[in-house]
Protein backbone atom coordinates (compact mmCIF):
# COMPACT_ATOMS: atom_id res chain seq x y z
CA MET A 1 60.74 118.93 129.89
CA ASP A 2 57.32 118.25 128.29
CA ASN A 3 54.43 116.73 130.03
CA GLY A 4 51.08 115.68 128.61
CA THR A 5 49.26 112.29 127.53
CA ARG A 6 50.36 109.35 126.27
CA ASP A 7 48.97 110.28 122.85
CA GLU A 8 50.67 113.73 122.79
CA MET A 9 54.23 111.75 123.75
CA LEU A 10 53.57 109.31 120.88
CA SER A 11 52.45 112.18 118.17
CA ARG A 12 56.04 113.99 119.42
CA LEU A 13 57.97 110.99 118.84
CA ALA A 14 56.55 110.33 115.60
CA GLU A 15 57.28 113.89 114.61
CA ALA A 16 61.16 113.18 115.93
CA VAL A 17 60.98 110.35 113.63
CA GLY A 18 59.55 112.04 110.47
CA SER A 19 62.14 114.88 111.10
CA VAL A 20 65.06 112.28 110.50
CA THR A 21 66.42 112.96 107.16
CA VAL A 22 68.35 109.95 105.74
CA ALA A 23 68.69 108.17 102.24
CA HIS A 24 68.07 104.89 103.55
CA PRO A 25 65.36 103.28 106.06
CA THR A 26 65.23 105.32 109.69
CA ARG A 27 66.69 103.24 112.32
CA VAL A 28 64.83 103.93 115.75
CA ALA A 29 66.14 102.43 119.02
CA VAL A 30 63.79 102.09 121.89
CA ASP A 31 66.06 101.26 124.95
CA GLY A 32 65.42 101.10 128.53
CA PRO A 33 65.48 98.42 131.65
CA PRO A 34 63.16 95.41 131.49
CA ALA A 35 59.88 96.30 132.19
CA ALA A 36 60.10 99.93 131.71
CA GLY A 37 57.33 99.78 129.12
CA LYS A 38 59.60 100.24 125.84
CA THR A 39 57.97 97.17 123.89
CA THR A 40 54.70 98.83 124.44
CA LEU A 41 55.83 102.06 123.46
CA ALA A 42 57.69 100.61 120.23
CA ASP A 43 54.37 98.84 119.63
CA GLU A 44 52.25 102.03 119.95
CA LEU A 45 54.84 103.99 118.09
CA ALA A 46 54.50 101.82 115.09
CA VAL A 47 50.65 102.05 114.95
CA VAL A 48 50.62 105.78 115.13
CA LEU A 49 53.83 105.72 112.10
CA ARG A 50 51.78 103.37 110.22
CA ALA A 51 48.54 105.56 110.29
CA GLN A 52 50.63 108.17 108.67
CA GLY A 53 51.44 106.08 105.78
CA ARG A 54 55.08 105.18 107.00
CA ASP A 55 56.25 101.35 106.29
CA VAL A 56 57.34 100.21 109.53
CA ILE A 57 59.45 97.12 110.53
CA ARG A 58 59.15 96.08 113.89
CA ALA A 59 61.77 93.98 115.43
CA THR A 60 63.27 93.35 118.97
CA ILE A 61 66.38 92.42 120.60
CA GLU A 62 64.75 89.11 121.89
CA GLY A 63 65.11 88.01 118.12
CA PHE A 64 69.12 88.61 118.50
CA LEU A 65 69.43 86.52 121.68
CA PHE A 66 72.28 83.78 122.17
CA PRO A 67 71.36 80.16 122.96
CA LYS A 68 70.41 79.76 126.34
CA ALA A 69 73.73 77.71 126.98
CA GLN A 70 75.48 80.74 126.05
CA ARG A 71 73.50 83.39 127.79
CA TYR A 72 73.88 81.44 131.17
CA ARG A 73 77.37 80.08 130.88
CA ARG A 74 78.19 82.53 134.07
CA GLY A 75 75.09 81.28 135.56
CA GLU A 76 71.16 82.14 135.27
CA TYR A 77 71.26 85.17 137.82
CA SER A 78 74.66 86.62 136.56
CA PRO A 79 74.62 90.44 135.55
CA GLU A 80 77.78 90.25 134.02
CA GLY A 81 76.31 87.35 131.92
CA CYS A 82 73.37 89.59 130.98
CA TYR A 83 75.30 92.23 129.97
CA LEU A 84 78.03 90.10 128.33
CA ASP A 85 76.71 87.10 126.97
CA ASN A 86 72.86 87.88 126.11
CA HIS A 87 73.09 89.16 122.85
CA ASP A 88 74.54 88.40 119.24
CA TYR A 89 75.18 92.08 118.32
CA ASP A 90 77.37 90.93 115.29
CA ALA A 91 74.08 89.53 113.67
CA LEU A 92 72.00 92.15 114.74
CA ASN A 93 74.49 94.50 112.52
CA ARG A 94 75.01 92.08 109.65
CA VAL A 95 71.60 91.18 108.90
CA LEU A 96 69.49 94.21 110.01
CA LEU A 97 71.09 97.41 110.93
CA ASP A 98 73.55 97.55 108.19
CA PRO A 99 71.44 96.56 105.47
CA LEU A 100 69.10 99.16 106.27
CA GLY A 101 71.89 101.81 107.00
CA PRO A 102 74.20 103.76 104.73
CA GLY A 103 75.02 102.01 101.63
CA GLY A 104 73.20 99.10 102.66
CA ASP A 105 71.24 96.93 100.22
CA GLN A 106 68.05 97.28 102.44
CA ARG A 107 67.57 93.45 102.32
CA PHE A 108 67.15 92.45 105.67
CA GLN A 109 65.75 89.90 108.48
CA HIS A 110 64.09 90.51 111.44
CA ALA A 111 65.61 88.03 113.96
CA VAL A 112 68.22 85.17 113.97
CA TYR A 113 66.61 83.58 117.20
CA ASP A 114 63.51 82.03 118.45
CA ARG A 115 63.55 81.98 122.40
CA THR A 116 60.54 79.73 122.53
CA THR A 117 62.36 77.04 120.94
CA ASP A 118 65.92 78.06 121.81
CA THR A 119 66.97 77.60 118.20
CA ALA A 120 68.18 79.49 115.18
CA LEU A 121 66.16 81.24 112.79
CA SER A 122 66.58 81.83 109.22
CA PRO A 123 63.40 84.16 108.22
CA GLN A 124 62.96 85.21 104.59
CA VAL A 125 64.95 87.99 103.43
CA SER A 126 62.83 91.26 102.73
CA THR A 127 63.41 94.32 101.11
CA ALA A 128 62.79 97.67 102.75
CA PRO A 129 61.80 100.72 100.72
CA ALA A 130 64.12 103.93 101.47
CA GLU A 131 61.27 105.78 103.47
CA ALA A 132 60.66 102.59 105.66
CA VAL A 133 60.87 102.88 109.57
CA LEU A 134 62.75 100.31 111.70
CA VAL A 135 61.12 100.49 115.47
CA PHE A 136 63.62 98.36 117.22
CA ASP A 137 63.12 97.83 120.84
CA GLY A 138 65.37 96.30 123.62
CA VAL A 139 67.83 96.51 126.58
CA PHE A 140 71.40 97.79 126.01
CA LEU A 141 70.66 99.18 122.48
CA LEU A 142 72.78 102.43 123.17
CA ARG A 143 76.20 100.45 124.03
CA PRO A 144 79.30 100.97 121.92
CA GLU A 145 78.61 98.04 119.55
CA LEU A 146 75.47 99.73 118.56
CA ILE A 147 75.28 103.40 119.20
CA ASP A 148 76.28 104.66 115.43
CA ARG A 149 73.57 102.19 113.92
CA TRP A 150 70.63 104.16 114.96
CA ASP A 151 69.02 107.24 113.47
CA LEU A 152 66.92 108.21 116.26
CA ARG A 153 67.75 107.05 120.03
CA ILE A 154 64.90 106.85 122.51
CA PHE A 155 65.25 105.89 125.93
CA VAL A 156 62.34 105.03 128.14
CA SER A 157 63.32 105.65 131.65
CA THR A 158 61.34 104.15 134.43
CA ALA A 159 62.68 103.73 138.22
CA PHE A 160 64.24 100.45 139.11
CA GLU A 161 61.66 99.44 141.94
CA GLU A 162 58.93 100.17 139.48
CA THR A 163 60.10 97.94 136.84
CA VAL A 164 60.43 94.88 139.79
CA ASP A 165 56.41 95.88 140.13
CA ARG A 166 55.41 95.74 136.82
CA ALA A 167 57.32 92.33 136.36
CA ARG A 168 55.39 90.59 139.04
CA ILE A 169 52.33 91.54 137.21
CA ARG A 170 53.58 90.99 133.47
CA GLU A 171 55.17 87.82 134.71
CA GLN A 172 52.31 85.94 136.34
CA GLY A 173 51.66 82.48 135.02
CA VAL A 174 55.32 82.74 133.51
CA MET A 175 57.48 82.62 136.50
CA SER A 176 56.79 83.00 140.59
CA ALA A 177 56.90 86.29 142.28
CA ALA A 178 60.03 85.13 144.07
CA ASP A 179 61.95 84.20 140.69
CA VAL A 180 60.97 87.68 139.43
CA GLU A 181 62.29 89.28 142.44
CA ARG A 182 65.31 87.55 142.22
CA ARG A 183 65.70 87.62 138.50
CA TRP A 184 65.23 91.48 138.98
CA ARG A 185 67.40 92.26 141.84
CA GLU A 186 70.44 90.05 141.08
CA ARG A 187 70.61 90.01 137.13
CA TYR A 188 68.59 92.61 135.40
CA ILE A 189 69.15 95.67 137.79
CA PRO A 190 72.89 95.33 138.49
CA SER A 191 73.52 94.90 134.60
CA GLN A 192 71.49 97.94 134.24
CA GLN A 193 73.44 99.75 136.77
CA PHE A 194 76.47 99.03 135.18
CA TYR A 195 75.16 100.06 131.71
CA PHE A 196 73.96 103.43 133.53
CA ALA A 197 77.69 103.98 135.19
CA THR A 198 79.85 102.78 132.09
CA VAL A 199 77.63 103.87 128.98
CA ARG A 200 75.46 106.59 130.35
CA PRO A 201 72.34 105.87 128.07
CA THR A 202 70.23 108.72 128.73
CA ASP A 203 73.17 111.08 127.70
CA GLN A 204 73.36 108.89 124.24
CA ALA A 205 69.91 109.56 123.78
CA ASP A 206 67.96 111.94 121.75
CA ILE A 207 64.91 111.50 123.63
CA VAL A 208 64.18 110.49 127.08
CA VAL A 209 60.54 109.31 127.78
CA HIS A 210 60.04 109.69 131.82
CA ASN A 211 57.48 106.61 131.82
CA GLY A 212 56.84 106.36 135.65
CA ASN A 213 52.94 107.27 134.80
CA THR A 214 52.36 105.73 131.63
CA GLN A 215 49.33 107.72 130.99
CA GLN A 216 50.93 110.97 131.62
CA PRO A 217 54.35 110.59 130.76
CA ALA A 218 57.10 113.26 130.28
CA TRP A 219 59.75 113.48 127.82
CA GLU A 220 62.81 115.56 126.93
CA ALA A 221 65.30 116.05 123.91
CA ARG A 222 68.53 115.59 124.74
CA THR A 223 71.81 116.51 123.26
CA PRO A 224 73.93 113.32 122.59
């Protein structure tokens, strides 16, 4: 395991992206529990890659949610619903991951859903150059429906209790501290525990970033 500054960690991740040799855009997953820091890391990695001259596509699992009625059909705090009903993996593969993968035409859409309005999106189709990098963050990205779509798999590991503390700060003004507590302890953490028990995402990852200390992270290359 390596330790260092955040910039050193991001440099190492950028090197790992650069080491991928494929004849199509490089598809990078940034997985991790809610409030682990994966979106921030993905944003920062995209900045580093762009500074190196790479064409970066930034997208997130939040753009591939099912409508609220389907997401919460088992109940708003259901961990089973969080794992089974949240995300439209068929659409994600169809409009983004497969077009950017082997044999794809590189014509993609970055999202199919707008969470703010709870409505479907149909954004303009874009064409990616073969040397582009997709940096995609979200939960449950290393599950069976997606695992073979990634060319580099990063998992952001943070203790569940730390994610609750971060969420209280992050969600201020959006939801009450009590709702954060309930949502994490009843829905998000149990669904992650199921994911860890059944999929073992850290074993599937190429690189695990230990993000408990965001400014002095540790990281390790893993053998899937």
